[in-house]
Amino acid sequence: MPLVVMCGFPCSGKTKRANELKSYLQNSRGRSVQLSSDESLNFERNTAYAASSSEKELRGLLKSSVERLISRDDIVILDSLNYIKGFRYELYCVAKAHKTTHCVVSVVIILLATTIICSLSTLN
């Protein structure tokens, strides 16, 4: 499954699951895995999503990163909010253009728990 798109609320555990998936695929399956995320593109989470213009720029960079990394052999994990359906469709089209498969992993967490986790993470 060469393109894995992580999707979910902020602070819901997407990055943790993406890293666990990367470790599993590399260590247990011996696959080459590339991880693309907001952090790998040097975007800080709070500033990247503060304004729509910076968020749009980030989505463009994420899509370019996926287009650069995607292949039939390597697995690409995209770790970002990916909450816009149209953006996920663009990523689907990128995968189809490269004649490779894809999936969307929705990380679900109770909204109250997300609020508590986010407030605790901003204190550190």
C-alpha atoms as a PDB file:
ATOM      1  CA  MET A   1       0.000   0.000   0.000  1.00  0.00           C
ATOM      2  CA  PRO A   2       2.357   2.721  -1.180  1.00  0.00           C
ATOM      3  CA  LEU A   3       0.370   5.787  -0.009  1.00  0.00           C
ATOM      4  CA  VAL A   4      -1.018   5.893   3.514  1.00  0.00           C
ATOM      5  CA  VAL A   5      -2.869   9.110   4.384  1.00  0.00           C
ATOM      6  CA  MET A   6      -3.334   9.724   8.109  1.00  0.00           C
ATOM      7  CA  CYS A   7      -6.470  11.707   8.960  1.00  0.00           C
ATOM      8  CA  GLY A   8      -7.883  12.946  12.276  1.00  0.00           C
ATOM      9  CA  PHE A   9      -8.216  15.708  14.854  1.00  0.00           C
ATOM     10  CA  PRO A  10      -5.156  17.528  16.177  1.00  0.00           C
ATOM     11  CA  CYS A  11      -3.558  15.696  19.137  1.00  0.00           C
ATOM     12  CA  SER A  12      -5.476  12.499  18.336  1.00  0.00           C
ATOM     13  CA  GLY A  13      -2.366  10.344  17.981  1.00  0.00           C
ATOM     14  CA  LYS A  14      -1.815  10.453  14.208  1.00  0.00           C
ATOM     15  CA  THR A  15       1.932  10.990  14.517  1.00  0.00           C
ATOM     16  CA  LYS A  16       2.302   8.230  17.091  1.00  0.00           C
ATOM     17  CA  ARG A  17       0.384   5.771  14.892  1.00  0.00           C
ATOM     18  CA  ALA A  18       2.301   6.867  11.777  1.00  0.00           C
ATOM     19  CA  ASN A  19       5.619   6.223  13.540  1.00  0.00           C
ATOM     20  CA  GLU A  20       4.383   2.847  14.844  1.00  0.00           C
ATOM     21  CA  LEU A  21       3.252   1.881  11.334  1.00  0.00           C
ATOM     22  CA  LYS A  22       6.601   2.982   9.887  1.00  0.00           C
ATOM     23  CA  SER A  23       8.521   0.915  12.467  1.00  0.00           C
ATOM     24  CA  TYR A  24       6.345  -2.135  11.864  1.00  0.00           C
ATOM     25  CA  LEU A  25       6.671  -1.996   8.085  1.00  0.00           C
ATOM     26  CA  GLN A  26      10.435  -1.438   8.203  1.00  0.00           C
ATOM     27  CA  ASN A  27      11.307  -3.945  10.917  1.00  0.00           C
ATOM     28  CA  SER A  28       8.758  -6.733  10.430  1.00  0.00           C
ATOM     29  CA  ARG A  29       8.170  -6.492   6.699  1.00  0.00           C
ATOM     30  CA  GLY A  30      11.508  -5.130   5.512  1.00  0.00           C
ATOM     31  CA  ARG A  31       9.837  -2.426   3.423  1.00  0.00           C
ATOM     32  CA  SER A  32      11.229   0.983   2.571  1.00  0.00           C
ATOM     33  CA  VAL A  33       9.020   3.622   4.222  1.00  0.00           C
ATOM     34  CA  GLN A  34       9.081   7.403   3.755  1.00  0.00           C
ATOM     35  CA  LEU A  35       7.276   9.641   6.273  1.00  0.00           C
ATOM     36  CA  SER A  36       6.116  13.085   5.191  1.00  0.00           C
ATOM     37  CA  SER A  37       4.639  15.428   7.787  1.00  0.00           C
ATOM     38  CA  ASP A  38       4.261  19.061   8.812  1.00  0.00           C
ATOM     39  CA  GLU A  39       7.369  18.730  10.971  1.00  0.00           C
ATOM     40  CA  SER A  40       9.458  17.153   8.196  1.00  0.00           C
ATOM     41  CA  LEU A  41       8.699  20.234   6.082  1.00  0.00           C
ATOM     42  CA  ASN A  42       9.753  22.522   8.974  1.00  0.00           C
ATOM     43  CA  PHE A  43       6.251  23.852   9.665  1.00  0.00           C
ATOM     44  CA  GLU A  44       5.312  24.468  13.275  1.00  0.00           C
ATOM     45  CA  ARG A  45       1.812  23.146  13.989  1.00  0.00           C
ATOM     46  CA  ASN A  46       0.340  26.254  15.651  1.00  0.00           C
ATOM     47  CA  THR A  47       1.581  28.741  13.057  1.00  0.00           C
ATOM     48  CA  ALA A  48       0.864  26.552  10.022  1.00  0.00           C
ATOM     49  CA  TYR A  49      -2.854  26.340  10.785  1.00  0.00           C
ATOM     50  CA  ALA A  50      -3.274  29.875  12.184  1.00  0.00           C
ATOM     51  CA  ALA A  51      -4.049  31.441   8.788  1.00  0.00           C
ATOM     52  CA  SER A  52      -5.673  29.945   5.720  1.00  0.00           C
ATOM     53  CA  SER A  53      -2.869  31.190   3.459  1.00  0.00           C
ATOM     54  CA  SER A  54      -0.152  29.351   5.414  1.00  0.00           C
ATOM     55  CA  GLU A  55      -2.350  26.254   5.604  1.00  0.00           C
ATOM     56  CA  LYS A  56      -2.838  26.337   1.831  1.00  0.00           C
ATOM     57  CA  GLU A  57       0.924  26.682   1.338  1.00  0.00           C
ATOM     58  CA  LEU A  58       1.499  23.710   3.647  1.00  0.00           C
ATOM     59  CA  ARG A  59      -0.989  21.545   1.718  1.00  0.00           C
ATOM     60  CA  GLY A  60       0.823  22.389  -1.517  1.00  0.00           C
ATOM     61  CA  LEU A  61       4.168  21.417  -0.006  1.00  0.00           C
ATOM     62  CA  LEU A  62       2.715  18.182   1.394  1.00  0.00           C
ATOM     63  CA  LYS A  63       1.294  17.246  -2.006  1.00  0.00           C
ATOM     64  CA  SER A  64       4.632  18.026  -3.697  1.00  0.00           C
ATOM     65  CA  SER A  65       6.417  15.913  -1.105  1.00  0.00           C
ATOM     66  CA  VAL A  66       4.101  12.968  -1.779  1.00  0.00           C
ATOM     67  CA  GLU A  67       4.547  13.343  -5.550  1.00  0.00           C
ATOM     68  CA  ARG A  68       8.338  13.305  -5.083  1.00  0.00           C
ATOM     69  CA  LEU A  69       8.413  10.291  -2.759  1.00  0.00           C
ATOM     70  CA  ILE A  70       5.700   8.036  -4.203  1.00  0.00           C
ATOM     71  CA  SER A  71       6.685   4.914  -6.120  1.00  0.00           C
ATOM     72  CA  ARG A  72       5.486   1.349  -6.537  1.00  0.00           C
ATOM     73  CA  ASP A  73       8.093  -0.007  -4.130  1.00  0.00           C
ATOM     74  CA  ASP A  74       8.377   2.554  -1.319  1.00  0.00           C
ATOM     75  CA  ILE A  75       5.557   3.167   1.128  1.00  0.00           C
ATOM     76  CA  VAL A  76       4.782   6.846   1.756  1.00  0.00           C
ATOM     77  CA  ILE A  77       2.985   7.824   4.965  1.00  0.00           C
ATOM     78  CA  LEU A  78       1.489  11.328   4.971  1.00  0.00           C
ATOM     79  CA  ASP A  79       1.067  12.523   8.557  1.00  0.00           C
ATOM     80  CA  SER A  80      -0.983  15.721   8.702  1.00  0.00           C
ATOM     81  CA  LEU A  81      -4.565  16.772   9.506  1.00  0.00           C
ATOM     82  CA  ASN A  82      -5.800  15.965   5.960  1.00  0.00           C
ATOM     83  CA  TYR A  83      -9.335  16.947   6.946  1.00  0.00           C
ATOM     84  CA  ILE A  84     -10.257  18.493   3.589  1.00  0.00           C
ATOM     85  CA  LYS A  85     -11.985  15.942   1.387  1.00  0.00           C
ATOM     86  CA  GLY A  86     -10.824  17.670  -1.803  1.00  0.00           C
ATOM     87  CA  PHE A  87      -7.190  17.448  -0.678  1.00  0.00           C
ATOM     88  CA  ARG A  88      -7.556  13.734   0.055  1.00  0.00           C
ATOM     89  CA  TYR A  89      -9.048  13.335  -3.443  1.00  0.00           C
ATOM     90  CA  GLU A  90      -6.012  15.110  -4.950  1.00  0.00           C
ATOM     91  CA  LEU A  91      -3.770  12.626  -3.124  1.00  0.00           C
ATOM     92  CA  TYR A  92      -5.923   9.768  -4.463  1.00  0.00           C
ATOM     93  CA  CYS A  93      -5.371  11.132  -7.984  1.00  0.00           C
ATOM     94  CA  VAL A  94      -1.596  11.301  -7.376  1.00  0.00           C
ATOM     95  CA  ALA A  95      -1.610   7.642  -6.306  1.00  0.00           C
ATOM     96  CA  LYS A  96      -3.650   6.623  -9.342  1.00  0.00           C
ATOM     97  CA  ALA A  97      -1.389   8.600 -11.691  1.00  0.00           C
ATOM     98  CA  HIS A  98       1.569   6.603 -10.354  1.00  0.00           C
ATOM     99  CA  LYS A  99      -0.436   3.361 -10.726  1.00  0.00           C
ATOM    100  CA  THR A 100      -0.143   2.532  -7.057  1.00  0.00           C
ATOM    101  CA  THR A 101      -2.547   1.835  -4.221  1.00  0.00           C
ATOM    102  CA  HIS A 102      -3.500   4.040  -1.303  1.00  0.00           C
ATOM    103  CA  CYS A 103      -5.501   4.046   1.911  1.00  0.00           C
ATOM    104  CA  VAL A 104      -6.795   6.572   4.438  1.00  0.00           C
ATOM    105  CA  VAL A 105      -6.277   5.831   8.134  1.00  0.00           C
ATOM    106  CA  SER A 106      -8.726   7.784  10.299  1.00  0.00           C
ATOM    107  CA  VAL A 107      -7.460   8.129  13.850  1.00  0.00           C
ATOM    108  CA  VAL A 108     -10.530   8.493  16.049  1.00  0.00           C
ATOM    109  CA  ILE A 109     -10.491   9.812  19.606  1.00  0.00           C
ATOM    110  CA  ILE A 110     -13.183  11.244  21.858  1.00  0.00           C
ATOM    111  CA  LEU A 111     -13.336  15.027  21.398  1.00  0.00           C
ATOM    112  CA  LEU A 112     -13.088  15.738  25.145  1.00  0.00           C
ATOM    113  CA  ALA A 113      -9.919  13.642  25.388  1.00  0.00           C
ATOM    114  CA  THR A 114      -8.433  15.532  22.435  1.00  0.00           C
ATOM    115  CA  THR A 115      -9.131  18.862  24.139  1.00  0.00           C
ATOM    116  CA  ILE A 116      -7.435  17.711  27.340  1.00  0.00           C
ATOM    117  CA  ILE A 117      -4.411  16.272  25.509  1.00  0.00           C
ATOM    118  CA  CYS A 118      -3.977  19.438  23.412  1.00  0.00           C
ATOM    119  CA  SER A 119      -4.198  21.701  26.447  1.00  0.00           C
ATOM    120  CA  LEU A 120      -1.602  19.582  28.262  1.00  0.00           C
ATOM    121  CA  SER A 121       0.745  19.528  25.262  1.00  0.00           C
ATOM    122  CA  THR A 122       0.723  23.330  25.013  1.00  0.00           C
ATOM    123  CA  LEU A 123       1.840  23.581  28.644  1.00  0.00           C
ATOM    124  CA  ASN A 124       5.079  21.677  27.941  1.00  0.00           C
END
